[in-house]
């Protein structure tokens, strides 16, 4: 099963629209074959989940799967520690 990863940060309709177009293209191209999305977003979890659930309700696209995660950033102290190491 192909896995498609994407990142969409920022809480605005433009980001959601861009993400939706990309995901929709992949769903249509999959032609009913299983596909999984790994979506990393800081603020669009609920909107993306709602859209994907609507698509999954269509029998032809019932084989889409997804995982939505929040971005994880390293602690600033760890970044500075790495930069100081020779």
Protein backbone atom coordinates (compact mmCIF):
# COMPACT_ATOMS: atom_id res chain seq x y z
CA UNK A 1 0.00 0.00 0.00
CA UNK A 2 1.49 3.37 -0.94
CA UNK A 3 1.94 5.89 1.84
CA UNK A 4 1.75 9.57 1.00
CA UNK A 5 3.14 11.99 3.57
CA UNK A 6 2.32 15.67 3.69
CA UNK A 7 2.76 18.63 6.01
CA UNK A 8 0.26 21.47 6.31
CA UNK A 9 0.90 24.08 8.97
CA UNK A 10 -1.06 27.22 9.61
CA UNK A 11 -4.72 27.61 10.39
CA UNK A 12 -6.13 29.12 7.24
CA UNK A 13 -8.41 28.13 4.41
CA UNK A 14 -5.59 28.33 1.84
CA UNK A 15 -3.61 25.58 3.56
CA UNK A 16 -6.69 23.41 3.90
CA UNK A 17 -7.57 23.93 0.24
CA UNK A 18 -4.04 23.05 -0.92
CA UNK A 19 -4.00 19.93 1.22
CA UNK A 20 -7.46 18.88 0.08
CA UNK A 21 -6.55 19.21 -3.60
CA UNK A 22 -3.39 17.13 -3.14
CA UNK A 23 -5.18 14.40 -1.18
CA UNK A 24 -8.12 14.34 -3.59
CA UNK A 25 -5.77 13.90 -6.54
CA UNK A 26 -4.13 10.95 -4.84
CA UNK A 27 -7.50 9.38 -3.95
CA UNK A 28 -8.76 9.70 -7.52
CA UNK A 29 -5.50 8.34 -8.98
CA UNK A 30 -5.59 5.39 -6.59
CA UNK A 31 -8.67 4.19 -8.49
CA UNK A 32 -10.02 2.34 -5.47
CA UNK A 33 -6.72 0.72 -4.48
CA UNK A 34 -5.59 1.06 -0.86
CA UNK A 35 -3.64 4.21 -0.05
CA UNK A 36 -2.53 5.65 3.28
CA UNK A 37 -1.91 9.28 4.14
CA UNK A 38 0.45 10.46 6.84
CA UNK A 39 -0.60 14.03 7.52
CA UNK A 40 1.37 16.30 9.81
CA UNK A 41 -0.50 19.45 10.77
CA UNK A 42 -0.51 21.83 13.68
CA UNK A 43 -4.07 23.08 13.45
CA UNK A 44 -6.13 21.40 10.72
CA UNK A 45 -6.75 18.03 12.41
CA UNK A 46 -10.53 18.24 12.66
CA UNK A 47 -11.11 19.71 9.20
CA UNK A 48 -8.91 17.12 7.48
CA UNK A 49 -10.45 14.26 9.46
CA UNK A 50 -13.96 15.39 8.43
CA UNK A 51 -13.02 15.55 4.74
CA UNK A 52 -11.36 12.13 4.76
CA UNK A 53 -14.32 10.56 6.56
CA UNK A 54 -16.64 11.92 3.85
CA UNK A 55 -14.48 10.41 1.13
CA UNK A 56 -14.15 7.08 2.92
CA UNK A 57 -17.96 6.82 2.98
CA UNK A 58 -17.90 6.57 -0.82
CA UNK A 59 -17.60 2.83 -1.59
CA UNK A 60 -15.00 3.33 -4.33
CA UNK A 61 -12.72 5.17 -1.88
CA UNK A 62 -13.37 3.08 1.22
CA UNK A 63 -9.79 1.79 1.04
CA UNK A 64 -8.17 5.06 2.10
CA UNK A 65 -6.49 5.18 5.47
CA UNK A 66 -4.79 7.99 7.32
CA UNK A 67 -2.85 9.01 10.34
CA UNK A 68 -2.87 12.63 11.44
CA UNK A 69 -0.06 13.79 13.69
CA UNK A 70 1.07 17.03 15.23
CA UNK A 71 4.55 18.27 14.37
CA UNK A 72 7.19 17.56 17.00
CA UNK A 73 9.91 20.12 17.44
CA UNK A 74 13.14 19.53 19.36
CA UNK A 75 13.62 21.45 22.58
CA UNK A 76 15.69 24.59 22.02
CA UNK A 77 18.23 23.42 24.60
CA UNK A 78 18.80 20.22 22.57
CA UNK A 79 19.28 22.21 19.37
CA UNK A 80 21.81 24.49 21.04
CA UNK A 81 23.59 21.49 22.55
CA UNK A 82 23.98 19.89 19.10
CA UNK A 83 25.31 23.15 17.65
CA UNK A 84 27.96 23.44 20.37
CA UNK A 85 29.24 19.91 19.91
CA UNK A 86 32.44 19.90 17.78
